[in-house]
C-alpha atoms as a PDB file:
ATOM      1  CA  MET A   1      97.838 114.232 126.261  1.00  0.00           C
ATOM      2  CA  LYS A   2      99.746 113.198 128.898  1.00  0.00           C
ATOM      3  CA  LEU A   3      99.103 111.193 132.258  1.00  0.00           C
ATOM      4  CA  VAL A   4     100.238 112.322 135.526  1.00  0.00           C
ATOM      5  CA  ASP A   5     100.380 110.253 138.862  1.00  0.00           C
ATOM      6  CA  GLN A   6      98.743 111.299 142.052  1.00  0.00           C
ATOM      7  CA  GLU A   7     101.458 113.896 142.696  1.00  0.00           C
ATOM      8  CA  GLY A   8     101.265 115.460 139.408  1.00  0.00           C
ATOM      9  CA  ASN A   9     104.303 114.209 137.804  1.00  0.00           C
ATOM     10  CA  GLU A  10     103.915 113.217 134.546  1.00  0.00           C
ATOM     11  CA  ILE A  11     104.193 109.453 133.761  1.00  0.00           C
ATOM     12  CA  THR A  12     106.788 108.633 131.072  1.00  0.00           C
ATOM     13  CA  SER A  13     108.170 106.105 128.773  1.00  0.00           C
ATOM     14  CA  ASN A  14     105.980 102.908 128.256  1.00  0.00           C
ATOM     15  CA  LYS A  15     102.937 104.181 130.636  1.00  0.00           C
ATOM     16  CA  ASN A  16     102.384 107.005 128.308  1.00  0.00           C
ATOM     17  CA  GLU A  17     101.229 104.409 125.548  1.00  0.00           C
ATOM     18  CA  GLU A  18      98.265 104.431 127.696  1.00  0.00           C
ATOM     19  CA  ALA A  19      97.788 108.202 127.120  1.00  0.00           C
ATOM     20  CA  GLN A  20      98.273 107.664 123.557  1.00  0.00           C
ATOM     21  CA  GLU A  21      95.770 105.089 123.323  1.00  0.00           C
ATOM     22  CA  LEU A  22      93.410 107.332 125.045  1.00  0.00           C
ATOM     23  CA  GLU A  23      94.296 110.195 122.826  1.00  0.00           C
ATOM     24  CA  LYS A  24      93.369 107.778 119.640  1.00  0.00           C
ATOM     25  CA  GLN A  25      89.875 106.790 121.433  1.00  0.00           C
ATOM     26  CA  LEU A  26      88.854 110.354 121.805  1.00  0.00           C
ATOM     27  CA  ALA A  27      90.058 111.091 118.128  1.00  0.00           C
ATOM     28  CA  ARG A  28      87.568 108.441 117.307  1.00  0.00           C
ATOM     29  CA  MET A  29      84.799 109.558 119.292  1.00  0.00           C
ATOM     30  CA  ALA A  30      85.196 113.150 117.724  1.00  0.00           C
ATOM     31  CA  GLN A  31      85.266 111.725 114.392  1.00  0.00           C
ATOM     32  CA  ALA A  32      82.112 110.005 115.067  1.00  0.00           C
ATOM     33  CA  ILE A  33      80.386 113.346 116.096  1.00  0.00           C
ATOM     34  CA  VAL A  34      81.889 115.458 113.186  1.00  0.00           C
ATOM     35  CA  GLU A  35      81.165 112.814 110.631  1.00  0.00           C
ATOM     36  CA  PRO A  36      77.330 113.288 109.892  1.00  0.00           C
ATOM     37  CA  ILE A  37      78.057 117.047 109.533  1.00  0.00           C
ATOM     38  CA  LEU A  38      80.891 116.758 106.997  1.00  0.00           C
ATOM     39  CA  ASN A  39      78.900 113.940 105.090  1.00  0.00           C
ATOM     40  CA  LYS A  40      76.024 116.241 104.565  1.00  0.00           C
ATOM     41  CA  LEU A  41      78.415 119.247 103.605  1.00  0.00           C
ATOM     42  CA  GLN A  42      80.178 117.021 101.400  1.00  0.00           C
ATOM     43  CA  LEU A  43      76.622 115.986  99.937  1.00  0.00           C
ATOM     44  CA  SER A  44      75.561 119.439  99.349  1.00  0.00           C
ATOM     45  CA  ASN A  45      78.725 120.079  97.476  1.00  0.00           C
ATOM     46  CA  GLN A  46      79.524 122.623 100.350  1.00  0.00           C
ATOM     47  CA  GLN A  47      83.266 123.017 101.475  1.00  0.00           C
ATOM     48  CA  ILE A  48      84.493 124.440 104.721  1.00  0.00           C
ATOM     49  CA  SER A  49      87.752 125.958 105.328  1.00  0.00           C
ATOM     50  CA  GLN A  50      90.649 124.182 107.403  1.00  0.00           C
ATOM     51  CA  GLU A  51      89.884 126.967 110.366  1.00  0.00           C
ATOM     52  CA  GLN A  52      86.384 125.863 110.243  1.00  0.00           C
ATOM     53  CA  LEU A  53      87.172 121.878 110.439  1.00  0.00           C
ATOM     54  CA  MET A  54      89.591 122.700 113.240  1.00  0.00           C
ATOM     55  CA  GLN A  55      86.570 124.818 115.353  1.00  0.00           C
ATOM     56  CA  ILE A  56      84.174 121.820 114.680  1.00  0.00           C
ATOM     57  CA  THR A  57      86.646 119.428 115.850  1.00  0.00           C
ATOM     58  CA  SER A  58      87.528 121.386 118.818  1.00  0.00           C
ATOM     59  CA  MET A  59      83.817 121.700 119.472  1.00  0.00           C
ATOM     60  CA  ALA A  60      83.224 117.729 119.327  1.00  0.00           C
ATOM     61  CA  HIS A  61      86.107 117.228 121.924  1.00  0.00           C
ATOM     62  CA  GLN A  62      84.728 119.989 124.064  1.00  0.00           C
ATOM     63  CA  MET A  63      81.269 118.189 124.264  1.00  0.00           C
ATOM     64  CA  ILE A  64      83.005 114.910 124.902  1.00  0.00           C
ATOM     65  CA  PHE A  65      85.309 116.173 127.787  1.00  0.00           C
ATOM     66  CA  ASN A  66      81.944 117.794 129.258  1.00  0.00           C
ATOM     67  CA  ARG A  67      80.012 114.677 129.275  1.00  0.00           C
ATOM     68  CA  MET A  68      83.222 112.520 130.494  1.00  0.00           C
ATOM     69  CA  ILE A  69      83.084 115.111 133.361  1.00  0.00           C
ATOM     70  CA  PHE A  70      79.315 115.086 134.280  1.00  0.00           C
ATOM     71  CA  ASN A  71      79.545 111.251 134.155  1.00  0.00           C
ATOM     72  CA  LEU A  72      82.288 111.466 136.477  1.00  0.00           C
ATOM     73  CA  ILE A  73      80.410 113.718 138.763  1.00  0.00           C
ATOM     74  CA  GLN A  74      77.583 111.608 138.946  1.00  0.00           C
ATOM     75  CA  LYS A  75      79.903 108.327 139.526  1.00  0.00           C
ATOM     76  CA  VAL A  76      81.431 110.174 142.510  1.00  0.00           C
ATOM     77  CA  GLY A  77      77.686 111.426 143.788  1.00  0.00           C
ATOM     78  CA  VAL A  78      78.531 115.076 143.882  1.00  0.00           C
ATOM     79  CA  LYS A  79      74.855 117.072 144.203  1.00  0.00           C
ATOM     80  CA  ASP A  80      76.020 120.599 144.016  1.00  0.00           C
ATOM     81  CA  MET A  81      78.487 121.981 141.706  1.00  0.00           C
ATOM     82  CA  LYS A  82      80.041 124.237 144.439  1.00  0.00           C
ATOM     83  CA  GLU A  83      81.527 121.378 145.612  1.00  0.00           C
ATOM     84  CA  LEU A  84      83.695 121.210 142.543  1.00  0.00           C
ATOM     85  CA  VAL A  85      83.714 125.138 141.508  1.00  0.00           C
ATOM     86  CA  SER A  86      83.764 127.789 143.692  1.00  0.00           C
ATOM     87  CA  ASP A  87      82.337 131.520 143.536  1.00  0.00           C
ATOM     88  CA  ASN A  88      86.311 132.523 143.442  1.00  0.00           C
ATOM     89  CA  ASP A  89      87.130 130.021 140.611  1.00  0.00           C
ATOM     90  CA  VAL A  90      84.189 131.566 138.529  1.00  0.00           C
ATOM     91  CA  GLU A  91      85.245 135.177 139.389  1.00  0.00           C
ATOM     92  CA  GLU A  92      88.715 133.767 138.107  1.00  0.00           C
ATOM     93  CA  LEU A  93      87.636 132.399 134.989  1.00  0.00           C
ATOM     94  CA  LYS A  94      85.522 135.251 134.220  1.00  0.00           C
ATOM     95  CA  THR A  95      88.752 137.487 134.211  1.00  0.00           C
ATOM     96  CA  SER A  96      90.482 134.678 132.055  1.00  0.00           C
ATOM     97  CA  PHE A  97      87.762 134.722 129.766  1.00  0.00           C
ATOM     98  CA  SER A  98      87.249 138.150 129.415  1.00  0.00           C
ATOM     99  CA  ASN A  99      91.469 138.448 128.599  1.00  0.00           C
ATOM    100  CA  GLN A 100      91.020 135.713 126.432  1.00  0.00           C
ATOM    101  CA  PHE A 101      88.290 137.205 124.223  1.00  0.00           C
ATOM    102  CA  LYS A 102      89.901 140.949 123.997  1.00  0.00           C
ATOM    103  CA  SER A 103      93.195 139.575 122.700  1.00  0.00           C
ATOM    104  CA  GLY A 104      91.201 137.001 120.047  1.00  0.00           C
ATOM    105  CA  SER A 105      89.161 140.216 118.980  1.00  0.00           C
ATOM    106  CA  GLY A 106      92.353 141.376 117.228  1.00  0.00           C
ATOM    107  CA  ASP A 107      92.152 144.961 115.797  1.00  0.00           C
ATOM    108  CA  GLN A 108      88.311 144.944 116.005  1.00  0.00           C
ATOM    109  CA  GLN A 109      86.349 146.789 118.877  1.00  0.00           C
ATOM    110  CA  GLN A 110      87.386 145.634 121.895  1.00  0.00           C
ATOM    111  CA  GLN A 111      84.172 144.964 123.979  1.00  0.00           C
ATOM    112  CA  GLU A 112      83.327 142.816 126.871  1.00  0.00           C
ATOM    113  CA  PRO A 113      81.676 139.513 126.080  1.00  0.00           C
ATOM    114  CA  PRO A 114      77.839 139.895 126.931  1.00  0.00           C
ATOM    115  CA  GLU A 115      76.540 139.114 130.231  1.00  0.00           C
ATOM    116  CA  ALA A 116      74.973 135.570 130.463  1.00  0.00           C
END
């Protein structure tokens, strides 16, 4: 994680210690979310692959980020999502997501993700 100033420049040296501390806090939160699942798996003598563990941890991080963004949106009083994400943003993200899905499917049949 890197901190940036208001102009988008990376904050370096001792101020990056703040970013490292925030990263540690995020890792502890993600661990707290994942721990009950891992305990259940361990108690039932089930094992998961390193890849599955990474996916679960990534999901926990995403959940935390989503909640952080939701809380920030509420704090600043945004009532309409269009203030934050335009229709053009959604179109751009659809294209990006579709491209990632195609490249992530590898040799498998390349297909578009289902419409939501």
